[in-house]
Amino acid sequence: MNKLFTATLAIFILLLAAGFFIFNSYIYQEKQADPATVLDYKNATYVISNQVVALENGFAESELAPNSASTVITRYFGNELFKDLNDDGRDDVVFLLTQETGGSGRFFYVVAALNTENGYVGSQALLLGDRITPQTTESGPGKQIIVNFVERGPEDPMTAPPSTGKSLHLILDPQSMQFGEVVADFEGETDPKVMTLTMKSWVWQQALYNDGKEIIPETKDAFTLTFSDAHTVLIATDCNTASGSYIVKNNTIEFSEFRTTRMYCEGSQESEFLKLLQEAQSFHFTGRGELIFDLKFDSGIVRFR
C-alpha cells in the first residue's frame, strides 16, 4: 500500500513539474517578439528627402552617393512628444533627428513613429532648417503638434547665431505618413511683403505655360526646395536629392551648379523639375502663401506652397 502511494505521489509530482515547465515555456514564447517587430522608435525606419533611413540605436550612416567617400550621418536628437496621433488608443511619439552630409551643415528634421501592434512605424521627415536651435515640441489642439525652434533672420548670414523664434503647427497624416502644416483660412492671411525664400521648405504644386500646357507632380509633396541664407538650395525630387546655388537680385533669381545623387527611377519627373528651375527668371509671393517663379520669355509660371 505504501509502495503504491509512493509511486502515485511520484507520478503526480512528475506530471506537476512537466506541466509547470510547459506552462512557463508557453509564457516565455508568448513574450518573445517577432524578429521583424520594432520595439523602439530609435530603431525604426524613416524617410528623409526620399531616402530610406533605418536607425539602429538612434544612429544611421550611409554613402552620400554610390561609391562616394562622403557619408550621410543621421542621429537621434530628442525633444520627444508622446501623443496618440491616429486614434488607436496608443501613445505615438514625435521627435527630432539631425543629418550631416559632410559639409558644415547640420539639418534638423521632425519625424513621428506610430506605436502599432507590430511595433513602431516611422514617418517621412519634415525639414526644419540648417543649424537651427531647437526648443520644445508641444501638444496642440486636437491632433496638432507644435514644434518650436529659433532660426536666423532673412538677412542673417549662416555664421550668425539663430535669433528669430518660429513655431510650426503640424498634423501627421497616418495614411501617407507625412506631416502637413496647419494654416487656418490661408487665403489673405499672409503678407507677401514679409515672406522670404528661406522661411520654409517649398513644395512644388504646378507648372503652367501660357500656351495652356500644365505639369503637375505625379508624386504628391515629393519635389521640394529649401533655400539657405548662404545662397545654396537643397532639392528633393521623386527620385534623387540634389543641391545647387542661387543668385537673387531684387526679384530675379538664377539657379546653377546642380549636383544630384544618381539613382535611376523609371517614370521620374526629376529632369522636368530641374529644367523648370533652370528656366526660372524671377519670383514673387502671393497672399495665399505661395512662391511663384516666372519663367523666361514670359512663357509661364511655376507654383510652390
Protein backbone atom coordinates (compact mmCIF):
# COMPACT_ATOMS: atom_id res chain seq x y z
CA MET A 1 0.00 0.00 0.00
CA ASN A 2 2.84 2.37 0.93
CA LYS A 3 4.65 1.45 -2.28
CA LEU A 4 1.53 2.20 -4.37
CA PHE A 5 1.04 5.53 -2.60
CA THR A 6 4.68 6.46 -3.07
CA ALA A 7 4.58 5.56 -6.77
CA THR A 8 1.35 7.54 -7.30
CA LEU A 9 2.80 10.53 -5.48
CA ALA A 10 5.98 10.40 -7.58
CA ILE A 11 3.96 10.28 -10.82
CA PHE A 12 1.84 13.22 -9.63
CA ILE A 13 4.95 15.26 -8.83
CA LEU A 14 6.45 14.45 -12.24
CA LEU A 15 3.26 15.47 -14.02
CA LEU A 16 3.08 18.69 -11.98
CA ALA A 17 6.70 19.54 -12.83
CA ALA A 18 6.14 18.80 -16.51
CA GLY A 19 3.03 20.95 -16.57
CA PHE A 20 4.86 23.80 -14.86
CA PHE A 21 7.70 23.55 -17.39
CA ILE A 22 5.32 23.51 -20.37
CA PHE A 23 3.36 26.46 -18.97
CA ASN A 24 6.49 28.53 -18.40
CA SER A 25 7.79 27.65 -21.85
CA TYR A 26 4.50 28.87 -23.34
CA ILE A 27 4.65 32.12 -21.40
CA TYR A 28 8.27 32.63 -22.47
CA GLN A 29 7.45 32.10 -26.15
CA GLU A 30 4.48 34.45 -25.92
CA LYS A 31 6.74 37.18 -24.55
CA GLN A 32 9.27 36.85 -27.34
CA ALA A 33 8.81 39.48 -30.07
CA ASP A 34 8.71 38.70 -33.74
CA PRO A 35 12.21 39.50 -35.08
CA ALA A 36 10.59 41.90 -37.54
CA THR A 37 8.82 43.82 -34.79
CA VAL A 38 10.37 47.21 -33.96
CA LEU A 39 10.11 47.66 -30.22
CA ASP A 40 11.80 51.07 -30.05
CA TYR A 41 11.29 54.15 -32.22
CA LYS A 42 15.07 54.69 -32.15
CA ASN A 43 15.36 51.53 -34.25
CA ALA A 44 12.57 52.26 -36.72
CA THR A 45 12.86 53.24 -40.39
CA TYR A 46 12.18 56.78 -41.63
CA VAL A 47 12.18 58.56 -44.99
CA ILE A 48 14.37 61.66 -45.26
CA SER A 49 14.40 63.54 -48.59
CA ASN A 50 13.03 60.43 -50.33
CA GLN A 51 15.81 58.25 -48.90
CA VAL A 52 15.04 55.37 -46.53
CA VAL A 53 16.99 55.65 -43.28
CA ALA A 54 16.99 52.70 -40.87
CA LEU A 55 18.09 53.79 -37.40
CA GLU A 56 19.98 51.49 -35.08
CA ASN A 57 20.03 52.81 -31.52
CA GLY A 58 19.25 56.26 -32.93
CA PHE A 59 22.07 56.27 -35.49
CA ALA A 60 22.50 55.58 -39.20
CA GLU A 61 25.34 56.07 -41.67
CA SER A 62 25.24 55.67 -45.45
CA GLU A 63 27.09 56.78 -48.59
CA LEU A 64 26.21 60.23 -49.89
CA ALA A 65 26.20 58.71 -53.38
CA PRO A 66 27.17 55.29 -54.78
CA ASN A 67 30.93 54.71 -54.48
CA SER A 68 31.31 58.07 -52.72
CA ALA A 69 33.80 58.60 -49.92
CA SER A 70 31.40 61.05 -48.27
CA THR A 71 28.78 59.76 -45.87
CA VAL A 72 25.41 60.89 -44.58
CA ILE A 73 25.11 60.59 -40.81
CA THR A 74 21.68 60.61 -39.20
CA ARG A 75 21.31 60.93 -35.43
CA TYR A 76 18.52 60.93 -32.90
CA PHE A 77 18.32 64.40 -31.29
CA GLY A 78 15.38 64.22 -28.89
CA ASN A 79 12.59 66.63 -27.90
CA GLU A 80 10.05 63.78 -27.75
CA LEU A 81 6.32 64.33 -27.54
CA PHE A 82 4.13 61.31 -26.74
CA LYS A 83 0.61 61.62 -28.14
CA ASP A 84 -2.00 59.42 -29.84
CA LEU A 85 -1.79 60.57 -33.46
CA ASN A 86 -4.15 58.06 -35.09
CA ASP A 87 -6.91 57.40 -32.51
CA ASP A 88 -5.92 53.81 -31.78
CA GLY A 89 -5.55 54.32 -28.03
CA ARG A 90 -1.75 54.06 -28.07
CA ASP A 91 0.68 56.88 -27.45
CA ASP A 92 2.79 57.54 -30.54
CA VAL A 93 5.93 59.65 -30.50
CA VAL A 94 7.22 62.76 -32.29
CA PHE A 95 10.88 63.75 -32.04
CA LEU A 96 13.78 65.40 -33.87
CA LEU A 97 16.59 63.92 -35.97
CA THR A 98 19.71 65.59 -37.33
CA GLN A 99 21.53 64.80 -40.55
CA GLU A 100 25.06 65.75 -41.63
CA THR A 101 26.27 65.27 -45.20
CA GLY A 102 29.98 66.01 -44.86
CA GLY A 103 29.83 69.81 -45.11
CA SER A 104 29.26 72.42 -42.43
CA GLY A 105 25.50 71.95 -42.40
CA ARG A 106 23.55 70.20 -39.68
CA PHE A 107 19.97 69.74 -40.82
CA PHE A 108 17.17 69.24 -38.31
CA TYR A 109 14.07 67.17 -39.11
CA VAL A 110 10.90 66.32 -37.23
CA VAL A 111 9.61 62.74 -37.52
CA ALA A 112 6.88 60.61 -35.96
CA ALA A 113 6.66 56.93 -35.11
CA LEU A 114 3.26 55.25 -34.78
CA ASN A 115 3.02 52.71 -31.99
CA THR A 116 1.26 49.78 -33.72
CA GLU A 117 0.54 46.18 -32.71
CA ASN A 118 3.54 45.16 -34.82
CA GLY A 119 5.93 47.75 -33.42
CA TYR A 120 6.87 51.31 -34.32
CA VAL A 121 6.35 52.56 -37.89
CA GLY A 122 8.35 55.65 -38.88
CA SER A 123 7.10 58.61 -40.91
CA GLN A 124 8.52 60.81 -43.62
CA ALA A 125 10.71 63.56 -42.18
CA LEU A 126 9.92 67.26 -42.36
CA LEU A 127 12.92 69.60 -42.64
CA LEU A 128 13.02 72.37 -40.03
CA GLY A 129 16.27 74.04 -41.14
CA ASP A 130 20.05 74.07 -41.14
CA ARG A 131 21.85 74.73 -37.84
CA ILE A 132 18.74 75.95 -36.06
CA THR A 133 18.32 75.92 -32.28
CA PRO A 134 15.51 73.53 -31.26
CA GLN A 135 13.43 74.49 -28.24
CA THR A 136 10.35 72.41 -27.43
CA THR A 137 7.85 70.08 -29.07
CA GLU A 138 4.36 70.55 -27.64
CA SER A 139 0.88 69.10 -27.97
CA GLY A 140 -1.57 71.40 -29.74
CA PRO A 141 -5.35 71.30 -30.20
CA GLY A 142 -6.72 68.01 -31.49
CA LYS A 143 -4.01 66.12 -33.36
CA GLN A 144 -1.80 69.17 -33.75
CA ILE A 145 1.88 69.12 -32.87
CA ILE A 146 3.74 72.39 -32.25
CA VAL A 147 7.48 72.43 -32.94
CA ASN A 148 9.28 75.48 -31.53
CA PHE A 149 12.77 76.49 -32.59
CA VAL A 150 14.98 79.51 -33.28
CA GLU A 151 16.30 80.28 -36.75
CA ARG A 152 18.22 83.08 -38.46
CA GLY A 153 16.54 86.17 -39.82
CA PRO A 154 16.08 86.57 -43.60
CA GLU A 155 19.15 88.78 -43.92
CA ASP A 156 21.38 86.99 -41.41
CA PRO A 157 24.42 85.05 -42.67
CA MET A 158 24.87 81.41 -41.70
CA THR A 159 27.71 82.49 -39.39
CA ALA A 160 25.22 84.43 -37.25
CA PRO A 161 23.57 82.62 -34.32
CA PRO A 162 19.85 81.87 -34.67
CA SER A 163 17.81 84.74 -33.26
CA THR A 164 14.25 84.51 -34.65
CA GLY A 165 11.69 82.31 -32.93
CA LYS A 166 9.41 80.14 -35.04
CA SER A 167 6.59 77.70 -34.29
CA LEU A 168 5.29 75.12 -36.75
CA HIS A 169 1.80 73.70 -36.21
CA LEU A 170 1.73 70.25 -37.78
CA ILE A 171 -0.62 67.28 -38.20
CA LEU A 172 0.52 63.81 -39.25
CA ASP A 173 -1.49 62.04 -41.94
CA PRO A 174 -1.38 58.37 -40.78
CA GLN A 175 -2.10 57.12 -44.32
CA SER A 176 0.74 58.87 -46.17
CA MET A 177 2.88 59.20 -43.01
CA GLN A 178 3.58 62.82 -43.95
CA PHE A 179 3.27 65.99 -41.91
CA GLY A 180 1.05 68.81 -43.09
CA GLU A 181 1.33 72.37 -41.82
CA VAL A 182 -1.82 73.72 -40.19
CA VAL A 183 -2.83 77.09 -41.57
CA ALA A 184 -6.42 78.18 -40.94
CA ASP A 185 -8.13 80.02 -43.83
CA PHE A 186 -4.84 80.66 -45.60
CA GLU A 187 -6.41 82.99 -48.18
CA GLY A 188 -5.42 86.58 -47.41
CA GLU A 189 -3.69 85.77 -44.14
CA THR A 190 -0.13 86.01 -45.45
CA ASP A 191 1.60 89.30 -46.22
CA PRO A 192 3.82 88.82 -49.29
CA LYS A 193 5.99 91.71 -48.10
CA VAL A 194 7.31 89.70 -45.15
CA MET A 195 7.72 86.39 -46.96
CA THR A 196 11.21 85.13 -47.88
CA LEU A 197 12.72 82.24 -49.79
CA THR A 198 14.32 80.87 -46.62
CA MET A 199 11.18 80.96 -44.44
CA LYS A 200 10.24 77.30 -45.09
CA SER A 201 10.63 74.34 -47.42
CA TRP A 202 8.67 74.99 -50.61
CA VAL A 203 6.64 72.17 -52.15
CA TRP A 204 6.08 72.15 -55.93
CA GLN A 205 2.39 72.30 -56.86
CA GLN A 206 2.17 73.08 -60.58
CA ALA A 207 3.83 74.46 -63.71
CA LEU A 208 1.52 76.33 -66.08
CA TYR A 209 2.63 77.58 -69.50
CA ASN A 210 0.95 80.39 -71.36
CA ASP A 211 0.05 78.03 -74.21
CA GLY A 212 -2.12 76.03 -71.80
CA LYS A 213 0.35 73.23 -71.11
CA GLU A 214 0.30 72.14 -67.47
CA ILE A 215 2.71 69.94 -65.50
CA ILE A 216 1.59 68.60 -62.12
CA PRO A 217 3.80 66.43 -59.89
CA GLU A 218 2.58 62.85 -60.02
CA THR A 219 4.05 62.14 -56.58
CA LYS A 220 2.47 64.49 -54.07
CA ASP A 221 4.86 66.57 -51.93
CA ALA A 222 7.93 64.83 -53.38
CA PHE A 223 9.51 67.90 -55.00
CA THR A 224 10.79 70.47 -52.52
CA LEU A 225 13.19 73.42 -52.38
CA THR A 226 14.91 74.51 -49.18
CA PHE A 227 16.87 77.74 -49.53
CA SER A 228 19.68 78.79 -47.19
CA ASP A 229 21.00 82.26 -46.49
CA ALA A 230 24.34 81.13 -47.92
CA HIS A 231 22.82 81.08 -51.43
CA THR A 232 22.62 77.31 -51.58
CA VAL A 233 19.48 75.28 -52.14
CA LEU A 234 18.60 71.71 -51.18
CA ILE A 235 16.39 69.95 -53.69
CA ALA A 236 14.30 66.82 -53.22
CA THR A 237 12.64 65.10 -56.18
CA ASP A 238 10.66 61.91 -56.71
CA CYS A 239 13.94 60.05 -57.26
CA ASN A 240 17.09 61.80 -56.03
CA THR A 241 18.24 64.60 -53.80
CA ALA A 242 20.27 67.49 -55.16
CA SER A 243 21.91 70.72 -54.19
CA GLY A 244 22.78 73.86 -56.07
CA SER A 245 23.45 77.57 -55.90
CA TYR A 246 21.17 80.52 -56.50
CA ILE A 247 21.64 84.24 -57.03
CA VAL A 248 18.95 86.80 -56.21
CA LYS A 249 18.95 90.41 -57.38
CA ASN A 250 15.82 92.29 -56.42
CA ASN A 251 13.14 89.83 -57.58
CA THR A 252 15.22 88.00 -60.19
CA ILE A 253 16.63 84.54 -59.49
CA GLU A 254 19.14 82.28 -61.22
CA PHE A 255 19.96 78.65 -60.31
CA SER A 256 23.28 76.98 -61.13
CA GLU A 257 25.70 74.21 -60.18
CA PHE A 258 23.16 71.45 -59.68
CA ARG A 259 24.63 68.31 -58.12
CA THR A 260 22.43 65.25 -57.76
CA THR A 261 22.64 61.72 -56.49
CA ARG A 262 22.46 59.20 -59.32
CA MET A 263 19.64 56.80 -58.57
CA TYR A 264 17.59 55.80 -61.63
CA CYS A 265 13.82 55.87 -61.21
CA GLU A 266 11.60 54.88 -64.10
CA GLY A 267 8.92 57.47 -64.84
CA SER A 268 10.55 60.12 -62.67
CA GLN A 269 9.74 63.79 -63.33
CA GLU A 270 13.09 64.89 -61.95
CA SER A 271 14.52 66.15 -65.26
CA GLU A 272 11.36 68.20 -65.94
CA PHE A 273 11.54 69.75 -62.50
CA LEU A 274 15.22 70.69 -62.74
CA LYS A 275 14.57 72.16 -66.20
CA LEU A 276 11.82 74.33 -64.71
CA LEU A 277 14.28 75.68 -62.14
CA GLN A 278 16.81 76.48 -64.86
CA GLU A 279 14.10 78.36 -66.76
CA ALA A 280 13.14 80.47 -63.72
CA GLN A 281 13.82 84.18 -64.22
CA SER A 282 12.07 85.99 -61.37
CA PHE A 283 9.90 85.26 -58.34
CA HIS A 284 7.21 86.74 -56.17
CA PHE A 285 4.94 85.73 -53.28
CA THR A 286 1.15 85.74 -53.06
CA GLY A 287 -1.37 86.39 -50.30
CA ARG A 288 -2.11 82.65 -50.33
CA GLY A 289 1.37 81.93 -49.03
CA GLU A 290 2.66 80.79 -52.41
CA LEU A 291 6.05 81.19 -54.06
CA ILE A 292 5.76 81.82 -57.80
CA PHE A 293 8.61 81.51 -60.30
CA ASP A 294 8.11 83.43 -63.54
CA LEU A 295 9.72 81.55 -66.42
CA LYS A 296 11.99 83.09 -69.04
CA PHE A 297 10.47 84.82 -72.06
CA ASP A 298 7.23 85.25 -70.09
CA SER A 299 6.38 81.65 -71.04
CA GLY A 300 4.63 80.59 -67.82
CA ILE A 301 4.86 80.14 -64.05
CA VAL A 302 5.85 77.51 -61.51
CA ARG A 303 3.84 77.43 -58.29
CA PHE A 304 5.05 76.32 -54.84
CA ARG A 305 3.33 76.18 -51.41
